[in-house]
Protein backbone atom coordinates (compact mmCIF):
# COMPACT_ATOMS: atom_id res chain seq x y z
CA MET A 1 -1.52 3.20 -12.09
CA ALA A 2 -2.24 -0.72 -11.23
CA THR A 3 -5.94 -0.14 -12.30
CA ALA A 4 -4.93 1.29 -15.47
CA LEU A 5 -2.77 -1.57 -16.22
CA ALA A 6 -5.44 -4.19 -15.01
CA LEU A 7 -7.94 -2.75 -17.30
CA GLY A 8 -5.77 -1.67 -20.25
CA ARG A 9 -4.64 -5.19 -20.76
CA ARG A 10 -8.02 -6.51 -20.90
CA GLY A 11 -8.72 -4.42 -24.07
CA HIS A 12 -9.71 -0.90 -22.39
CA HIS A 13 -8.21 2.05 -24.08
CA VAL A 14 -6.71 4.03 -21.23
CA VAL A 15 -5.75 7.70 -21.29
CA ILE A 16 -4.32 8.86 -17.92
CA LEU A 17 -4.62 12.66 -17.20
CA GLU A 18 -2.16 13.64 -14.55
CA SER A 19 -1.80 16.73 -12.18
CA ALA A 20 -1.36 17.04 -8.58
CA PRO A 21 -3.61 15.17 -7.72
CA LYS A 22 -3.51 13.56 -11.11
CA VAL A 23 -6.54 12.29 -13.29
CA GLY A 24 -6.75 9.45 -15.64
CA ILE A 25 -9.21 8.45 -18.10
CA ILE A 26 -9.96 5.00 -19.28
CA ASP A 27 -11.98 3.73 -22.58
CA MET A 28 -12.88 0.23 -22.97
CA LEU A 29 -14.25 -0.34 -26.42
CA ASP A 30 -17.63 1.59 -26.26
CA LYS A 31 -17.42 2.06 -22.45
CA ARG A 32 -15.41 5.09 -20.79
CA ILE A 33 -14.00 4.70 -17.44
CA LEU A 34 -12.56 7.78 -15.64
CA LEU A 35 -9.74 7.08 -12.99
CA THR A 36 -8.60 9.68 -10.57
CA VAL A 37 -5.20 9.00 -9.28
CA GLY A 38 -3.91 10.90 -6.22
CA LYS A 39 -0.41 12.28 -5.86
CA GLN A 40 0.87 9.74 -3.45
CA LEU A 41 2.27 8.13 -6.64
CA MET A 42 4.97 10.87 -6.67
CA GLU A 43 6.29 9.95 -3.22
CA VAL A 44 10.01 9.42 -3.25
CA GLY A 45 12.48 8.04 -0.64
CA ALA A 46 10.34 5.20 0.66
CA GLY A 47 10.68 1.48 0.12
CA ILE A 48 7.69 -0.91 -0.30
CA GLN A 49 7.12 -4.47 0.54
CA VAL A 50 5.51 -6.41 -2.37
CA SER A 51 3.67 -9.25 -0.61
CA PRO A 52 3.02 -12.46 -2.23
CA ASN A 53 -0.80 -11.81 -2.72
CA MET A 54 0.45 -8.62 -4.80
CA LEU A 55 3.19 -10.35 -6.56
CA ARG A 56 1.13 -13.12 -7.84
CA MET A 57 -1.21 -10.39 -9.63
CA PHE A 58 2.08 -9.10 -11.09
CA ASP A 59 2.91 -12.67 -12.42
CA LYS A 60 -0.43 -12.76 -14.08
CA TRP A 61 -0.11 -9.37 -15.62
CA GLY A 62 3.30 -10.27 -16.98
CA ILE A 63 5.40 -7.57 -15.23
CA SER A 64 6.90 -9.62 -12.38
CA ASP A 65 10.43 -9.89 -14.18
CA ALA A 66 10.56 -6.27 -14.54
CA ILE A 67 9.78 -5.98 -10.59
CA HIS A 68 12.69 -8.51 -10.02
CA SER A 69 15.07 -6.82 -11.74
CA LYS A 70 14.96 -3.98 -9.17
CA ASP A 71 14.13 -5.59 -6.10
CA VAL A 72 15.54 -7.75 -3.17
CA ALA A 73 14.03 -11.14 -2.38
CA LEU A 74 14.00 -11.34 1.52
CA GLU A 75 15.07 -14.51 3.25
CA CYS A 76 14.22 -13.65 6.81
CA ILE A 77 13.33 -10.89 9.27
CA HIS A 78 15.42 -10.47 12.31
CA VAL A 79 13.50 -8.95 15.42
CA ARG A 80 15.95 -7.19 17.94
CA ARG A 81 15.50 -5.39 21.21
CA TRP A 82 15.73 -1.74 21.29
CA GLN A 83 18.45 -1.03 23.68
CA ASN A 84 21.20 -3.08 22.76
CA GLY A 85 20.18 -4.89 19.50
CA ASP A 86 20.03 -8.23 21.26
CA LEU A 87 18.48 -10.87 19.05
CA LEU A 88 14.97 -11.78 19.99
CA GLY A 89 14.25 -14.12 17.06
CA THR A 90 14.69 -14.71 13.45
CA MET A 91 11.86 -15.84 11.09
CA PRO A 92 12.55 -17.21 7.73
CA VAL A 93 10.15 -15.91 5.21
CA ASN A 94 7.32 -18.36 4.51
CA LYS A 95 7.52 -19.05 0.73
CA THR A 96 4.38 -21.03 0.75
CA TYR A 97 2.34 -18.40 -1.07
CA GLY A 98 5.39 -17.10 -3.24
CA GLN A 99 8.34 -14.75 -2.68
CA GLN A 100 8.42 -11.63 -0.32
CA VAL A 101 10.37 -8.95 -2.07
CA VAL A 102 10.95 -5.28 -1.22
CA ILE A 103 11.44 -2.49 -3.69
CA HIS A 104 11.97 1.24 -3.91
CA ARG A 105 8.51 2.96 -4.29
CA ALA A 106 9.71 4.88 -7.39
CA ASP A 107 11.16 1.73 -9.07
CA LEU A 108 7.60 0.15 -8.57
CA HIS A 109 5.98 2.94 -10.08
CA ASP A 110 8.52 3.22 -12.90
CA VAL A 111 7.44 -0.42 -13.78
CA LEU A 112 3.69 0.10 -13.53
CA ILE A 113 3.91 3.31 -15.54
CA GLU A 114 6.38 1.70 -18.17
CA LYS A 115 4.22 -1.62 -18.48
CA ALA A 116 1.04 0.41 -18.88
CA LEU A 117 2.44 2.76 -21.40
CA GLU A 118 3.65 -0.15 -23.50
CA LEU A 119 0.28 -1.18 -24.41
CA ASP A 120 -1.02 0.50 -27.54
CA ASN A 121 -4.26 1.51 -25.94
CA VAL A 122 -2.65 3.33 -23.03
CA GLU A 123 -1.61 7.18 -23.29
CA LEU A 124 -0.65 9.66 -20.92
CA ARG A 125 -1.82 13.32 -20.36
CA LEU A 126 -0.67 15.95 -17.94
CA ASN A 127 -1.89 18.99 -16.14
CA SER A 128 -5.49 18.06 -15.08
CA THR A 129 -7.17 18.11 -11.77
CA VAL A 130 -10.65 16.86 -10.61
CA ASN A 131 -12.82 19.41 -9.03
CA ASP A 132 -16.29 17.37 -9.19
CA VAL A 133 -17.86 14.21 -9.87
CA SER A 134 -21.26 13.25 -11.46
CA PHE A 135 -22.58 9.59 -10.74
CA SER A 136 -25.50 8.94 -13.31
CA PRO A 137 -24.25 9.38 -15.98
CA ALA A 138 -20.69 9.35 -14.81
CA SER A 139 -18.19 12.31 -15.45
CA VAL A 140 -15.61 14.54 -13.88
CA THR A 141 -15.20 18.12 -13.91
CA LEU A 142 -11.75 19.50 -14.16
CA CYS A 143 -10.59 22.69 -12.15
CA ASN A 144 -10.37 24.40 -15.57
CA GLY A 145 -14.17 23.79 -16.33
CA THR A 146 -13.75 21.08 -18.64
CA VAL A 147 -16.29 18.11 -18.36
CA VAL A 148 -14.98 14.63 -19.11
CA ARG A 149 -17.89 11.96 -19.59
CA GLY A 150 -17.57 8.30 -19.11
CA ASP A 151 -19.42 5.46 -18.13
CA VAL A 152 -17.57 4.58 -15.04
CA VAL A 153 -15.35 6.78 -12.45
CA ILE A 154 -12.98 5.16 -10.38
CA GLY A 155 -11.55 7.36 -7.59
CA ALA A 156 -7.98 6.24 -7.01
CA ASP A 157 -7.19 9.67 -5.50
CA GLY A 158 -5.85 8.69 -2.07
CA ILE A 159 -6.69 9.65 1.58
CA LYS A 160 -7.67 13.13 0.56
CA SER A 161 -10.05 11.86 -2.09
CA VAL A 162 -12.07 14.39 -3.84
CA VAL A 163 -14.19 11.53 -5.48
CA ARG A 164 -14.80 10.00 -1.90
CA GLN A 165 -16.10 13.40 -0.71
CA ARG A 166 -18.53 13.70 -3.42
CA LEU A 167 -19.56 10.17 -3.32
CA LEU A 168 -20.47 10.31 0.23
CA ASN A 169 -21.84 13.86 0.07
CA GLU A 170 -19.44 15.03 2.71
CA THR A 171 -16.95 17.86 2.36
CA SER A 172 -14.37 15.96 4.60
CA ILE A 173 -13.89 12.58 6.20
CA ASN A 174 -12.48 12.96 9.70
CA SER A 175 -9.00 11.72 10.20
CA ILE A 176 -8.60 9.32 13.16
CA SER A 177 -5.15 9.98 14.64
CA THR A 178 -2.98 6.75 15.49
CA GLY A 179 -0.67 8.86 17.58
CA ASP A 180 2.12 7.72 15.41
CA ALA A 181 4.47 9.36 12.71
CA ALA A 182 7.42 7.79 10.99
CA TYR A 183 10.82 8.98 9.80
CA ARG A 184 11.78 7.76 6.45
CA MET A 185 15.35 7.40 5.11
CA MET A 186 16.92 6.01 2.09
CA LEU A 187 20.88 5.56 2.64
CA PRO A 188 23.11 4.80 -0.31
CA ARG A 189 25.23 1.68 -0.04
CA SER A 190 28.47 3.99 -0.53
CA VAL A 191 27.97 5.68 2.93
CA MET A 192 27.45 2.29 4.80
CA GLU A 193 30.28 0.16 3.41
CA SER A 194 33.05 1.68 5.60
CA ASP A 195 31.39 0.32 8.79
CA PRO A 196 31.20 -3.45 8.81
CA GLU A 197 27.98 -3.45 11.02
CA LEU A 198 26.19 -1.32 8.49
CA LYS A 199 27.68 -2.96 5.52
CA GLU A 200 26.29 -6.41 6.66
CA LEU A 201 22.79 -4.74 7.04
CA ILE A 202 22.68 -3.66 3.50
CA LEU A 203 24.46 -6.71 1.84
CA GLU A 204 22.18 -9.57 3.35
CA PRO A 205 18.73 -9.92 1.83
CA GLU A 206 17.21 -9.62 5.29
CA ALA A 207 14.94 -7.38 7.06
CA THR A 208 15.44 -6.11 10.61
CA ARG A 209 12.90 -4.95 13.07
CA TRP A 210 14.02 -3.11 16.31
CA LEU A 211 11.21 -3.07 18.88
CA GLY A 212 11.05 -0.52 21.71
CA PRO A 213 8.57 1.19 24.06
CA TYR A 214 5.79 2.95 21.73
CA ARG A 215 7.97 2.87 18.71
CA HIS A 216 10.00 0.35 16.34
CA VAL A 217 12.29 0.68 13.37
CA ILE A 218 11.93 -1.68 10.46
CA ALA A 219 14.71 -1.47 7.87
CA TYR A 220 15.71 -3.60 4.53
CA PRO A 221 18.06 -3.35 1.45
CA VAL A 222 16.36 -2.37 -1.88
CA ARG A 223 17.37 -1.69 -5.53
CA ASN A 224 19.53 -4.74 -5.77
CA HIS A 225 21.14 -3.67 -2.30
CA GLU A 226 22.27 -0.32 -3.54
CA LEU A 227 20.12 1.50 -1.06
CA TYR A 228 18.99 0.75 2.52
CA ASN A 229 15.33 1.70 3.41
CA VAL A 230 14.79 2.67 7.14
CA VAL A 231 11.47 3.37 8.49
CA MET A 232 11.18 4.76 12.26
CA LEU A 233 7.84 4.78 13.90
CA HIS A 234 7.29 6.81 16.83
CA PRO A 235 4.81 9.00 18.94
CA ASP A 236 3.67 11.92 16.79
CA ARG A 237 4.62 15.16 18.45
CA HIS A 238 2.51 17.29 16.19
CA GLY A 239 -1.10 16.04 16.53
CA VAL A 240 -3.52 15.05 13.91
CA GLU A 241 -2.68 15.60 10.19
CA GLU A 242 -3.27 13.50 6.87
CA SER A 243 -0.76 10.82 6.23
CA TRP A 244 1.45 12.93 3.84
CA THR A 245 5.24 13.32 4.02
CA THR A 246 6.60 16.37 5.57
CA LYS A 247 9.96 17.87 6.56
CA GLY A 248 11.30 16.50 9.87
CA THR A 249 14.22 17.49 11.85
CA LYS A 250 17.37 15.29 12.35
CA GLN A 251 17.61 16.47 16.23
CA ASN A 252 14.05 15.29 16.72
CA MET A 253 15.05 11.97 15.13
CA ILE A 254 18.19 11.71 17.40
CA ASP A 255 15.99 12.60 20.37
CA ASP A 256 13.25 10.04 19.61
CA TYR A 257 15.74 7.13 19.41
CA ARG A 258 18.34 8.15 22.00
CA GLY A 259 19.77 5.11 23.71
CA TRP A 260 18.64 2.69 21.10
CA ASP A 261 21.13 0.18 19.61
CA PRO A 262 24.23 1.78 18.42
CA ARG A 263 23.42 0.50 14.90
CA ILE A 264 20.25 2.83 14.67
CA THR A 265 22.51 5.89 16.06
CA LYS A 266 24.97 5.23 13.41
CA LEU A 267 22.18 5.10 10.60
CA ILE A 268 20.55 8.36 11.96
CA ASN A 269 24.08 9.92 11.84
CA LEU A 270 24.43 9.16 8.04
CA VAL A 271 21.24 11.16 7.23
CA PRO A 272 21.87 14.62 5.88
CA ASP A 273 20.42 17.30 8.05
CA ASP A 274 17.92 18.59 5.46
CA GLU A 275 16.69 15.09 4.24
CA VAL A 276 14.63 13.97 7.17
CA LEU A 277 11.29 13.00 6.06
CA GLU A 278 8.32 12.62 8.65
CA TRP A 279 5.22 10.85 7.63
CA LYS A 280 2.05 11.43 9.92
CA LEU A 281 0.05 8.28 10.24
CA CYS A 282 -3.70 8.64 10.19
CA LEU A 283 -6.84 6.51 9.30
CA HIS A 284 -10.34 7.09 8.44
CA ALA A 285 -13.30 4.96 9.94
CA PRO A 286 -14.70 2.35 7.38
CA LEU A 287 -16.95 3.91 5.00
CA LYS A 288 -20.58 3.19 4.81
CA THR A 289 -20.07 2.48 0.91
CA TRP A 290 -17.39 2.66 -1.85
CA ILE A 291 -19.80 3.00 -4.55
CA ARG A 292 -22.56 5.27 -5.93
CA GLY A 293 -24.28 4.77 -9.35
CA SER A 294 -21.44 4.41 -11.66
CA VAL A 295 -18.36 5.53 -9.44
CA ALA A 296 -16.33 3.33 -7.15
CA LEU A 297 -13.34 4.07 -4.87
CA ILE A 298 -10.07 2.03 -4.65
CA GLY A 299 -7.12 2.00 -2.57
CA ASP A 300 -6.30 4.66 0.11
CA ALA A 301 -9.49 6.47 -1.19
CA CYS A 302 -11.73 4.04 0.75
CA HIS A 303 -9.38 2.09 2.83
CA PRO A 304 -6.08 3.80 4.13
CA MET A 305 -3.77 1.28 5.62
CA LEU A 306 -1.17 1.49 8.44
CA PRO A 307 2.13 0.21 7.72
CA TYR A 308 2.05 -2.49 10.51
CA THR A 309 1.38 -5.30 8.17
CA ALA A 310 2.87 -4.00 4.94
CA GLN A 311 -0.69 -4.30 2.94
CA GLY A 312 -1.40 -0.82 1.77
CA ALA A 313 -0.21 -1.35 -1.86
CA ALA A 314 -1.12 -4.98 -1.95
CA GLN A 315 -4.71 -4.16 -0.98
CA ALA A 316 -4.89 -1.52 -3.79
CA VAL A 317 -3.54 -4.00 -6.28
CA GLU A 318 -6.15 -6.31 -5.13
CA ASP A 319 -8.93 -3.80 -5.80
CA ALA A 320 -7.58 -3.12 -9.34
CA ALA A 321 -7.47 -6.92 -10.11
CA ALA A 322 -11.20 -7.27 -8.98
CA LEU A 323 -12.01 -4.25 -11.18
CA GLY A 324 -10.22 -5.55 -14.10
CA ILE A 325 -12.15 -8.83 -13.94
CA LEU A 326 -15.59 -7.39 -13.08
CA LEU A 327 -15.77 -4.68 -15.65
CA SER A 328 -14.64 -7.08 -18.19
CA LEU A 329 -17.46 -9.55 -17.53
CA ILE A 330 -20.36 -7.27 -18.28
CA THR A 331 -21.91 -7.27 -21.62
CA SER A 332 -23.85 -3.72 -21.52
CA LYS A 333 -23.66 -0.20 -19.95
CA ASP A 334 -26.50 -1.13 -18.01
CA GLN A 335 -24.67 -3.74 -16.13
CA ILE A 336 -22.06 -1.34 -14.76
CA PRO A 337 -23.76 -0.72 -11.48
CA LEU A 338 -24.23 -4.32 -10.74
CA ALA A 339 -20.37 -4.77 -11.53
CA LEU A 340 -19.45 -2.37 -9.10
CA GLN A 341 -21.94 -3.51 -6.47
CA ILE A 342 -20.22 -7.01 -6.78
CA TYR A 343 -16.74 -5.41 -6.70
CA GLU A 344 -17.78 -3.86 -3.33
CA LYS A 345 -19.11 -7.06 -1.97
CA SER A 346 -15.98 -8.90 -2.99
CA ARG A 347 -13.34 -6.33 -1.49
CA LYS A 348 -14.85 -4.29 1.21
CA SER A 349 -15.18 -6.88 4.08
CA ARG A 350 -11.53 -8.06 3.27
CA ALA A 351 -9.97 -4.68 3.00
CA GLU A 352 -11.43 -3.63 6.34
CA THR A 353 -10.33 -6.50 8.16
CA VAL A 354 -6.78 -6.14 6.72
CA GLN A 355 -6.87 -2.42 8.19
CA GLN A 356 -7.89 -3.72 11.68
CA SER A 357 -4.82 -6.52 11.52
CA GLY A 358 -2.55 -3.48 11.08
CA THR A 359 -4.06 -1.48 13.89
CA GLU A 360 -3.72 -4.65 16.15
CA ASN A 361 -0.08 -5.14 15.09
CA ARG A 362 0.86 -1.89 16.08
CA VAL A 363 -0.09 -2.46 19.79
CA THR A 364 1.80 -5.62 19.64
CA LEU A 365 5.02 -4.02 18.36
CA HIS A 366 4.96 -0.96 20.50
CA LEU A 367 4.57 -2.48 24.03
CA PRO A 368 6.22 -0.56 26.78
CA ASP A 369 8.80 -2.50 28.82
CA GLY A 370 7.00 -4.59 31.34
CA PRO A 371 5.39 -8.11 31.91
CA GLU A 372 3.43 -7.77 28.68
CA GLN A 373 6.73 -7.01 26.65
CA GLN A 374 8.64 -9.82 28.24
CA ALA A 375 5.91 -12.20 27.42
CA ARG A 376 5.86 -11.01 23.78
CA ASP A 377 9.80 -11.17 23.57
CA GLU A 378 9.66 -14.82 24.87
CA GLN A 379 7.22 -15.66 22.13
CA PHE A 380 10.00 -14.53 19.55
CA ARG A 381 12.68 -16.51 21.35
CA SER A 382 10.62 -19.70 21.50
CA PRO A 383 8.36 -19.81 18.42
CA LYS A 384 5.70 -22.48 18.43
CA ALA A 385 5.70 -25.27 16.10
CA ALA A 386 2.41 -24.15 14.45
CA GLY A 387 3.96 -21.11 13.44
CA SER A 388 2.13 -18.58 15.83
CA ASN A 389 3.97 -15.35 16.14
CA PRO A 390 3.27 -12.09 18.22
CA ASP A 391 4.25 -10.11 14.99
CA LYS A 392 1.37 -10.64 12.49
CA TRP A 393 3.78 -10.21 9.63
CA SER A 394 5.34 -13.42 10.60
CA ASP A 395 2.47 -15.24 11.95
CA ARG A 396 1.43 -18.32 9.83
CA GLU A 397 -2.43 -17.89 10.22
CA THR A 398 -2.21 -14.16 9.23
CA GLN A 399 0.06 -15.07 6.41
CA ARG A 400 -2.51 -17.55 5.21
CA PHE A 401 -5.20 -14.83 5.23
CA LEU A 402 -3.08 -11.88 3.74
CA TRP A 403 -0.70 -13.80 1.26
CA GLY A 404 -2.91 -16.50 0.35
CA TRP A 405 -5.84 -14.51 -1.22
CA ASP A 406 -6.26 -14.24 -4.75
CA ALA A 407 -8.36 -11.31 -5.72
CA GLU A 408 -9.22 -12.20 -9.29
CA LYS A 409 -10.56 -15.57 -8.13
CA ALA A 410 -12.46 -13.95 -5.17
CA ALA A 411 -13.98 -11.56 -7.68
CA LEU A 412 -15.14 -14.20 -9.98
CA GLU A 413 -16.72 -16.29 -7.25
CA THR A 414 -18.43 -13.26 -5.95
CA TRP A 415 -19.76 -12.53 -9.46
CA SER A 416 -20.81 -16.19 -9.83
CA SER A 417 -22.72 -16.39 -6.63
CA GLN A 418 -24.34 -12.87 -6.98
CA VAL A 419 -25.33 -13.04 -10.49
CA GLN A 420 -26.70 -16.63 -10.70
CA ASN A 421 -29.67 -15.30 -8.27
CA ILE A 422 -30.74 -12.57 -10.69
CA LEU A 423 -29.42 -14.08 -14.24
CA PRO A 424 -32.89 -14.08 -15.88
CA SER A 425 -33.50 -10.15 -14.99
CA VAL A 426 -30.02 -8.85 -15.42
CA LEU A 427 -28.26 -10.55 -17.96
């Protein structure tokens, strides 16, 4: 949906075709762009961190006020020991690059959909599913046999992307198991207020991370402190599956966090037995390419992210911003492949580096008790003046790389550096 907004606000006529997975079609003046969108947009019961590199794009697009009406601006993150909740350290949010806010995933999607549909050149259609893709000329074939032709196809259809399968001539991309899964809970303020310890958690503009052997918990308030989002990452007991949300059991959750900080036990006890959701965490190896002909991939379709640096949504928004710029610079349909090549050059290396940072942070956060864990915890207790931190989310140098990036500026710079060498022959 961010891609539809990024393109629609630049004069593209957007027609979004939805199903499960959903399909969208974008028209720009005499150009048609087909955008396939995965069903992950329908996920509920999850919070999301809107990092500064993402929020700055929303500022440019004029939707940040709508985001702020539903979010919570974090002031700090507490890191605690798993057994007793002892405070290891408190890291104030670095506002050098802007605010760090958290929001309910459904609220973010509502804002993006609402703002996209406010544009006269954006409309929404339902009940379509992409079954096949053609590359030159670009088109998609729906499951009902309808062929929708365009000048560009953008595959934003998630980790199980049909567009990716066709683009790479592979029926499937093997999942790489991280060995982790996550329970996700969304607790209303009303069930927490009677307990002073839990009430403090939901009322303060703070995130809390509990670190333990092979697992950790991250929690923060969303929706103007009316809901408390809790994500509990733990060893996956079910083997390799794609990272979709499935039903978990409350007993497994109790067993996985037995002996933890009593506040964790209290939070678990508040969850209704039939409302335990479990998310399997898997990755794909970096793709050899994101583009083919007049077709490009974005978001989880080409770079699924683990949640350990909270950059999954942000990287998809950066993709959208880059495409919004580059597909508006070309002056003829013949230049579409060039724009997509520059998009890949602008985005692929960065997104894959961000991917790797999440994988590395997982190791640090999940250390078993022992000398390495003790050394890590001492770093939390005695942070260095330069801002170095074992948690990449709080590390100043990592923040500079993650949060200081301007995807639109990077796309423009890549365009300029690439096009000037071939200007006479291409433009």
